[in-house]
Amino acid sequence: MFSRHLTCALSAFAAFFLVASANAEPIEDHQPHIEASLGARVSGVSGAGFDPFADTDALAQVSLGLGGTLFAEGRFSLAAYGFWDYGARSSQVRGEATALTVQRLSIGPEARYHLLPRLYLFAHVLPAFAHSDATLDDGVAEVGREAKHWAYGVDGGAGAAFEMYRRPGQRIRPALWLIAEGGYGYLGSTRLLLKTKEGSAAPERAAPVDLGALSLQGPYARLSVALGF
């Protein structure tokens, strides 16, 4: 019974694919030349250095993207794409409040292949730069502590984009795309040596608090809506 249903489903999908391909508009009419996206990125951070700032391994970030096509030939195109991701987590360590904010910038090439005019697959490898700001409210010393760092790495991901709507009219016209991707983001680790914030009335011999090493690398997923032209 299951095999019959699976066969019917695959046959229906194949029929839809053939009909859509036969009636499809030219590929070049649907290749976005310029694209801006808004979405959400969720990363899995398993390193112990993330634990003082969160009770789970998830780091959710708002994701803004901007890209443009550099080259197109048939179903294949090559684009340049960049993302700015921003997110924060907060928790407690031994009753003291902690917080971590992370900004990540990644930019690089993206290869695309249109299966259908309204559907393309893509893959990209993007050099990444991340800035982290870790804080600790030290109630014992009655001071705030902070550690700011830059880390460098790379994001490797792949996914698919589906054109949900395109305004009828001229050849180059606005279109709304739904984009889903997954991959792995690598970043080098940084030392969490939290020092007294500048301007704090701290004792002269207040020693830094060492929370170990922070590594924000891990698998990620991103879901975005993009406006393309």
C-alpha atoms as a PDB file:
ATOM      1  CA  MET A   1       0.000   0.000   0.000  1.00  0.00           C
ATOM      2  CA  PHE A   2       2.762   2.424   0.948  1.00  0.00           C
ATOM      3  CA  SER A   3       4.706   1.591  -2.216  1.00  0.00           C
ATOM      4  CA  ARG A   4       1.648   2.312  -4.358  1.00  0.00           C
ATOM      5  CA  HIS A   5       1.086   5.689  -2.710  1.00  0.00           C
ATOM      6  CA  LEU A   6       4.780   6.549  -3.070  1.00  0.00           C
ATOM      7  CA  THR A   7       4.702   5.587  -6.752  1.00  0.00           C
ATOM      8  CA  CYS A   8       1.604   7.729  -7.335  1.00  0.00           C
ATOM      9  CA  ALA A   9       3.210  10.684  -5.555  1.00  0.00           C
ATOM     10  CA  LEU A  10       6.403  10.395  -7.593  1.00  0.00           C
ATOM     11  CA  SER A  11       4.406  10.053 -10.813  1.00  0.00           C
ATOM     12  CA  ALA A  12       2.374  13.158  -9.963  1.00  0.00           C
ATOM     13  CA  PHE A  13       5.550  15.100  -9.205  1.00  0.00           C
ATOM     14  CA  ALA A  14       7.163  13.973 -12.452  1.00  0.00           C
ATOM     15  CA  ALA A  15       4.035  14.965 -14.396  1.00  0.00           C
ATOM     16  CA  PHE A  16       4.006  18.377 -12.732  1.00  0.00           C
ATOM     17  CA  PHE A  17       7.685  18.825 -13.511  1.00  0.00           C
ATOM     18  CA  LEU A  18       7.199  17.959 -17.188  1.00  0.00           C
ATOM     19  CA  VAL A  19       4.166  20.210 -17.588  1.00  0.00           C
ATOM     20  CA  ALA A  20       5.863  23.076 -15.783  1.00  0.00           C
ATOM     21  CA  SER A  21       8.969  22.677 -17.911  1.00  0.00           C
ATOM     22  CA  ALA A  22       6.971  22.543 -21.126  1.00  0.00           C
ATOM     23  CA  ASN A  23       5.019  25.713 -20.301  1.00  0.00           C
ATOM     24  CA  ALA A  24       7.874  27.490 -18.594  1.00  0.00           C
ATOM     25  CA  GLU A  25       8.888  31.019 -19.351  1.00  0.00           C
ATOM     26  CA  PRO A  26      12.494  31.671 -20.404  1.00  0.00           C
ATOM     27  CA  ILE A  27      14.986  31.102 -17.594  1.00  0.00           C
ATOM     28  CA  GLU A  28      16.591  34.516 -18.023  1.00  0.00           C
ATOM     29  CA  ASP A  29      13.269  36.225 -17.221  1.00  0.00           C
ATOM     30  CA  HIS A  30      13.462  34.802 -13.688  1.00  0.00           C
ATOM     31  CA  GLN A  31      17.141  35.132 -12.832  1.00  0.00           C
ATOM     32  CA  PRO A  32      17.346  37.901 -10.209  1.00  0.00           C
ATOM     33  CA  HIS A  33      19.911  40.570 -11.086  1.00  0.00           C
ATOM     34  CA  ILE A  34      19.809  42.340  -7.706  1.00  0.00           C
ATOM     35  CA  GLU A  35      18.363  40.815  -4.536  1.00  0.00           C
ATOM     36  CA  ALA A  36      17.783  41.978  -0.947  1.00  0.00           C
ATOM     37  CA  SER A  37      16.659  39.540   1.745  1.00  0.00           C
ATOM     38  CA  LEU A  38      15.338  39.551   5.297  1.00  0.00           C
ATOM     39  CA  GLY A  39      15.237  36.406   7.390  1.00  0.00           C
ATOM     40  CA  ALA A  40      16.367  34.458  10.420  1.00  0.00           C
ATOM     41  CA  ARG A  41      19.446  32.329  11.009  1.00  0.00           C
ATOM     42  CA  VAL A  42      19.665  29.729  13.781  1.00  0.00           C
ATOM     43  CA  SER A  43      23.043  28.187  14.632  1.00  0.00           C
ATOM     44  CA  GLY A  44      23.840  25.243  16.866  1.00  0.00           C
ATOM     45  CA  VAL A  45      26.741  26.196  19.163  1.00  0.00           C
ATOM     46  CA  SER A  46      27.954  23.233  21.178  1.00  0.00           C
ATOM     47  CA  GLY A  47      31.156  24.709  22.624  1.00  0.00           C
ATOM     48  CA  ALA A  48      31.398  24.970  26.418  1.00  0.00           C
ATOM     49  CA  GLY A  49      32.282  28.670  26.167  1.00  0.00           C
ATOM     50  CA  PHE A  50      28.724  29.396  25.031  1.00  0.00           C
ATOM     51  CA  ASP A  51      27.148  27.800  28.132  1.00  0.00           C
ATOM     52  CA  PRO A  52      27.614  30.815  30.489  1.00  0.00           C
ATOM     53  CA  PHE A  53      25.388  32.862  28.184  1.00  0.00           C
ATOM     54  CA  ALA A  54      22.610  30.427  27.236  1.00  0.00           C
ATOM     55  CA  ASP A  55      20.784  27.394  28.597  1.00  0.00           C
ATOM     56  CA  THR A  56      20.512  25.846  25.095  1.00  0.00           C
ATOM     57  CA  ASP A  57      22.902  25.512  22.158  1.00  0.00           C
ATOM     58  CA  ALA A  58      20.785  27.699  19.834  1.00  0.00           C
ATOM     59  CA  LEU A  59      21.895  31.138  18.681  1.00  0.00           C
ATOM     60  CA  ALA A  60      19.108  32.905  16.760  1.00  0.00           C
ATOM     61  CA  GLN A  61      20.005  35.920  14.633  1.00  0.00           C
ATOM     62  CA  VAL A  62      18.223  38.395  12.396  1.00  0.00           C
ATOM     63  CA  SER A  63      19.707  38.027   8.926  1.00  0.00           C
ATOM     64  CA  LEU A  64      19.957  40.741   6.256  1.00  0.00           C
ATOM     65  CA  GLY A  65      21.321  39.858   2.823  1.00  0.00           C
ATOM     66  CA  LEU A  66      22.247  41.643  -0.381  1.00  0.00           C
ATOM     67  CA  GLY A  67      23.422  40.086  -3.626  1.00  0.00           C
ATOM     68  CA  GLY A  68      23.836  40.632  -7.349  1.00  0.00           C
ATOM     69  CA  THR A  69      24.312  38.426 -10.392  1.00  0.00           C
ATOM     70  CA  LEU A  70      27.789  38.623 -11.936  1.00  0.00           C
ATOM     71  CA  PHE A  71      27.368  36.135 -14.790  1.00  0.00           C
ATOM     72  CA  ALA A  72      24.515  34.119 -16.325  1.00  0.00           C
ATOM     73  CA  GLU A  73      24.552  31.442 -19.026  1.00  0.00           C
ATOM     74  CA  GLY A  74      21.487  29.272 -19.613  1.00  0.00           C
ATOM     75  CA  ARG A  75      20.345  27.685 -16.362  1.00  0.00           C
ATOM     76  CA  PHE A  76      23.570  28.549 -14.559  1.00  0.00           C
ATOM     77  CA  SER A  77      24.441  31.872 -12.919  1.00  0.00           C
ATOM     78  CA  LEU A  78      27.108  33.174 -10.571  1.00  0.00           C
ATOM     79  CA  ALA A  79      26.325  35.839  -7.978  1.00  0.00           C
ATOM     80  CA  ALA A  80      28.060  37.712  -5.176  1.00  0.00           C
ATOM     81  CA  TYR A  81      26.161  37.621  -1.890  1.00  0.00           C
ATOM     82  CA  GLY A  82      26.695  39.062   1.567  1.00  0.00           C
ATOM     83  CA  PHE A  83      24.931  38.697   4.931  1.00  0.00           C
ATOM     84  CA  TRP A  84      24.854  40.613   8.177  1.00  0.00           C
ATOM     85  CA  ASP A  85      23.543  38.522  11.100  1.00  0.00           C
ATOM     86  CA  TYR A  86      22.806  39.895  14.567  1.00  0.00           C
ATOM     87  CA  GLY A  87      21.724  37.991  17.670  1.00  0.00           C
ATOM     88  CA  ALA A  88      22.019  37.914  21.467  1.00  0.00           C
ATOM     89  CA  ARG A  89      21.670  35.481  24.377  1.00  0.00           C
ATOM     90  CA  SER A  90      21.625  36.014  28.150  1.00  0.00           C
ATOM     91  CA  SER A  91      21.828  33.817  31.229  1.00  0.00           C
ATOM     92  CA  GLN A  92      23.468  33.623  34.679  1.00  0.00           C
ATOM     93  CA  VAL A  93      26.713  32.290  36.125  1.00  0.00           C
ATOM     94  CA  ARG A  94      26.658  31.654  39.890  1.00  0.00           C
ATOM     95  CA  GLY A  95      23.792  34.094  40.216  1.00  0.00           C
ATOM     96  CA  GLU A  96      25.480  36.830  38.196  1.00  0.00           C
ATOM     97  CA  ALA A  97      23.828  38.047  34.990  1.00  0.00           C
ATOM     98  CA  THR A  98      25.636  37.423  31.705  1.00  0.00           C
ATOM     99  CA  ALA A  99      24.933  38.527  28.145  1.00  0.00           C
ATOM    100  CA  LEU A 100      26.424  37.875  24.736  1.00  0.00           C
ATOM    101  CA  THR A 101      25.782  39.757  21.494  1.00  0.00           C
ATOM    102  CA  VAL A 102      27.143  38.490  18.182  1.00  0.00           C
ATOM    103  CA  GLN A 103      27.395  40.262  14.844  1.00  0.00           C
ATOM    104  CA  ARG A 104      28.499  38.235  11.841  1.00  0.00           C
ATOM    105  CA  LEU A 105      29.418  39.521   8.385  1.00  0.00           C
ATOM    106  CA  SER A 106      29.938  37.114   5.490  1.00  0.00           C
ATOM    107  CA  ILE A 107      30.429  37.804   1.793  1.00  0.00           C
ATOM    108  CA  GLY A 108      31.506  35.767  -1.207  1.00  0.00           C
ATOM    109  CA  PRO A 109      30.488  33.913  -4.399  1.00  0.00           C
ATOM    110  CA  GLU A 110      27.252  31.961  -4.865  1.00  0.00           C
ATOM    111  CA  ALA A 111      26.620  29.468  -7.684  1.00  0.00           C
ATOM    112  CA  ARG A 112      23.015  28.952  -8.851  1.00  0.00           C
ATOM    113  CA  TYR A 113      21.272  26.440 -11.116  1.00  0.00           C
ATOM    114  CA  HIS A 114      17.632  26.794 -12.209  1.00  0.00           C
ATOM    115  CA  LEU A 115      15.717  23.506 -12.188  1.00  0.00           C
ATOM    116  CA  LEU A 116      12.670  25.507 -13.278  1.00  0.00           C
ATOM    117  CA  PRO A 117      12.336  29.204 -14.098  1.00  0.00           C
ATOM    118  CA  ARG A 118      10.805  29.771 -10.655  1.00  0.00           C
ATOM    119  CA  LEU A 119      13.066  27.380  -8.736  1.00  0.00           C
ATOM    120  CA  TYR A 120      16.835  27.380  -8.401  1.00  0.00           C
ATOM    121  CA  LEU A 121      19.363  25.569  -6.254  1.00  0.00           C
ATOM    122  CA  PHE A 122      22.438  27.318  -4.915  1.00  0.00           C
ATOM    123  CA  ALA A 123      25.659  26.771  -3.010  1.00  0.00           C
ATOM    124  CA  HIS A 124      28.102  29.263  -1.566  1.00  0.00           C
ATOM    125  CA  VAL A 125      31.336  29.526   0.397  1.00  0.00           C
ATOM    126  CA  LEU A 126      31.508  32.860   2.212  1.00  0.00           C
ATOM    127  CA  PRO A 127      34.450  34.185   4.237  1.00  0.00           C
ATOM    128  CA  ALA A 128      33.040  35.329   7.608  1.00  0.00           C
ATOM    129  CA  PHE A 129      33.967  37.869  10.271  1.00  0.00           C
ATOM    130  CA  ALA A 130      32.253  37.887  13.668  1.00  0.00           C
ATOM    131  CA  HIS A 131      32.345  40.369  16.519  1.00  0.00           C
ATOM    132  CA  SER A 132      31.294  39.164  19.981  1.00  0.00           C
ATOM    133  CA  ASP A 133      30.604  41.274  23.075  1.00  0.00           C
ATOM    134  CA  ALA A 134      30.401  39.290  26.327  1.00  0.00           C
ATOM    135  CA  THR A 135      29.392  40.966  29.602  1.00  0.00           C
ATOM    136  CA  LEU A 136      29.133  39.911  33.248  1.00  0.00           C
ATOM    137  CA  ASP A 137      27.509  41.850  36.101  1.00  0.00           C
ATOM    138  CA  ASP A 138      29.924  41.128  38.946  1.00  0.00           C
ATOM    139  CA  GLY A 139      27.907  41.650  42.130  1.00  0.00           C
ATOM    140  CA  VAL A 140      30.818  40.717  44.407  1.00  0.00           C
ATOM    141  CA  ALA A 141      33.164  43.400  43.079  1.00  0.00           C
ATOM    142  CA  GLU A 142      30.180  45.595  42.202  1.00  0.00           C
ATOM    143  CA  VAL A 143      31.486  46.215  38.687  1.00  0.00           C
ATOM    144  CA  GLY A 144      30.591  45.296  35.140  1.00  0.00           C
ATOM    145  CA  ARG A 145      32.984  43.109  33.198  1.00  0.00           C
ATOM    146  CA  GLU A 146      33.337  42.809  29.429  1.00  0.00           C
ATOM    147  CA  ALA A 147      35.274  41.017  26.703  1.00  0.00           C
ATOM    148  CA  LYS A 148      35.120  42.039  23.038  1.00  0.00           C
ATOM    149  CA  HIS A 149      36.668  39.959  20.265  1.00  0.00           C
ATOM    150  CA  TRP A 150      36.857  39.479  16.509  1.00  0.00           C
ATOM    151  CA  ALA A 151      36.875  35.988  15.042  1.00  0.00           C
ATOM    152  CA  TYR A 152      37.397  34.879  11.449  1.00  0.00           C
ATOM    153  CA  GLY A 153      36.166  31.858   9.527  1.00  0.00           C
ATOM    154  CA  VAL A 154      33.970  30.705   6.662  1.00  0.00           C
ATOM    155  CA  ASP A 155      30.333  29.770   6.031  1.00  0.00           C
ATOM    156  CA  GLY A 156      29.589  26.890   3.652  1.00  0.00           C
ATOM    157  CA  GLY A 157      25.943  26.393   2.734  1.00  0.00           C
ATOM    158  CA  ALA A 158      23.485  25.190   0.106  1.00  0.00           C
ATOM    159  CA  GLY A 159      19.751  25.530  -0.429  1.00  0.00           C
ATOM    160  CA  ALA A 160      16.884  26.384  -2.735  1.00  0.00           C
ATOM    161  CA  ALA A 161      14.933  29.488  -3.725  1.00  0.00           C
ATOM    162  CA  PHE A 162      11.341  29.536  -5.002  1.00  0.00           C
ATOM    163  CA  GLU A 163       9.721  32.496  -6.729  1.00  0.00           C
ATOM    164  CA  MET A 164       6.386  33.036  -4.965  1.00  0.00           C
ATOM    165  CA  TYR A 165       5.270  36.089  -6.933  1.00  0.00           C
ATOM    166  CA  ARG A 166       6.435  38.218  -9.844  1.00  0.00           C
ATOM    167  CA  ARG A 167       4.742  41.419 -10.884  1.00  0.00           C
ATOM    168  CA  PRO A 168       3.440  41.064 -14.448  1.00  0.00           C
ATOM    169  CA  GLY A 169       4.575  43.492 -17.065  1.00  0.00           C
ATOM    170  CA  GLN A 170       8.029  44.254 -18.355  1.00  0.00           C
ATOM    171  CA  ARG A 171      10.886  41.773 -18.545  1.00  0.00           C
ATOM    172  CA  ILE A 172      12.734  43.150 -15.510  1.00  0.00           C
ATOM    173  CA  ARG A 173      10.152  43.401 -12.723  1.00  0.00           C
ATOM    174  CA  PRO A 174      10.055  42.890  -8.939  1.00  0.00           C
ATOM    175  CA  ALA A 175       9.740  39.332  -7.657  1.00  0.00           C
ATOM    176  CA  LEU A 176       9.294  37.809  -4.200  1.00  0.00           C
ATOM    177  CA  TRP A 177      11.423  34.757  -3.382  1.00  0.00           C
ATOM    178  CA  LEU A 178      11.347  32.278  -0.501  1.00  0.00           C
ATOM    179  CA  ILE A 179      14.860  31.040   0.293  1.00  0.00           C
ATOM    180  CA  ALA A 180      15.887  28.171   2.565  1.00  0.00           C
ATOM    181  CA  GLU A 181      19.434  27.010   3.228  1.00  0.00           C
ATOM    182  CA  GLY A 182      21.523  24.976   5.589  1.00  0.00           C
ATOM    183  CA  GLY A 183      25.217  24.587   6.167  1.00  0.00           C
ATOM    184  CA  TYR A 184      28.096  24.887   8.587  1.00  0.00           C
ATOM    185  CA  GLY A 185      29.702  28.039   9.920  1.00  0.00           C
ATOM    186  CA  TYR A 186      33.292  27.839  11.104  1.00  0.00           C
ATOM    187  CA  LEU A 187      34.856  30.494  13.342  1.00  0.00           C
ATOM    188  CA  GLY A 188      38.099  30.532  15.276  1.00  0.00           C
ATOM    189  CA  SER A 189      37.842  30.479  19.076  1.00  0.00           C
ATOM    190  CA  THR A 190      38.521  33.486  21.312  1.00  0.00           C
ATOM    191  CA  ARG A 191      39.493  33.695  24.999  1.00  0.00           C
ATOM    192  CA  LEU A 192      36.772  34.984  27.344  1.00  0.00           C
ATOM    193  CA  LEU A 193      38.867  37.023  29.746  1.00  0.00           C
ATOM    194  CA  LEU A 194      36.329  39.503  31.104  1.00  0.00           C
ATOM    195  CA  LYS A 195      37.936  42.683  32.366  1.00  0.00           C
ATOM    196  CA  THR A 196      36.456  45.608  34.251  1.00  0.00           C
ATOM    197  CA  LYS A 197      34.561  47.936  31.945  1.00  0.00           C
ATOM    198  CA  GLU A 198      36.193  51.240  31.230  1.00  0.00           C
ATOM    199  CA  GLY A 199      34.894  53.973  33.525  1.00  0.00           C
ATOM    200  CA  SER A 200      33.792  51.554  36.264  1.00  0.00           C
ATOM    201  CA  ALA A 201      34.682  52.450  39.855  1.00  0.00           C
ATOM    202  CA  ALA A 202      36.421  49.126  40.433  1.00  0.00           C
ATOM    203  CA  PRO A 203      39.110  48.208  42.935  1.00  0.00           C
ATOM    204  CA  GLU A 204      42.555  48.703  41.446  1.00  0.00           C
ATOM    205  CA  ARG A 205      43.458  45.039  41.868  1.00  0.00           C
ATOM    206  CA  ALA A 206      40.196  43.547  40.512  1.00  0.00           C
ATOM    207  CA  ALA A 207      41.369  40.487  38.602  1.00  0.00           C
ATOM    208  CA  PRO A 208      39.805  39.530  35.232  1.00  0.00           C
ATOM    209  CA  VAL A 209      37.258  36.690  35.190  1.00  0.00           C
ATOM    210  CA  ASP A 210      38.222  33.813  32.890  1.00  0.00           C
ATOM    211  CA  LEU A 211      35.232  31.992  31.361  1.00  0.00           C
ATOM    212  CA  GLY A 212      37.309  29.847  29.042  1.00  0.00           C
ATOM    213  CA  ALA A 213      37.276  29.849  25.239  1.00  0.00           C
ATOM    214  CA  LEU A 214      34.306  30.890  23.106  1.00  0.00           C
ATOM    215  CA  SER A 215      33.813  29.124  19.779  1.00  0.00           C
ATOM    216  CA  LEU A 216      30.709  30.076  17.794  1.00  0.00           C
ATOM    217  CA  GLN A 217      31.118  27.468  15.064  1.00  0.00           C
ATOM    218  CA  GLY A 218      28.433  24.922  14.256  1.00  0.00           C
ATOM    219  CA  PRO A 219      25.661  23.929  11.830  1.00  0.00           C
ATOM    220  CA  TYR A 220      23.107  26.535  10.861  1.00  0.00           C
ATOM    221  CA  ALA A 221      19.831  27.009   9.001  1.00  0.00           C
ATOM    222  CA  ARG A 222      18.534  30.216   7.430  1.00  0.00           C
ATOM    223  CA  LEU A 223      15.046  31.047   6.132  1.00  0.00           C
ATOM    224  CA  SER A 224      14.569  34.311   4.239  1.00  0.00           C
ATOM    225  CA  VAL A 225      12.200  36.265   2.057  1.00  0.00           C
ATOM    226  CA  ALA A 226      13.918  38.200  -0.730  1.00  0.00           C
ATOM    227  CA  LEU A 227      12.918  40.939  -3.130  1.00  0.00           C
ATOM    228  CA  GLY A 228      14.612  40.522  -6.484  1.00  0.00           C
ATOM    229  CA  PHE A 229      14.782  42.540  -9.673  1.00  0.00           C
END
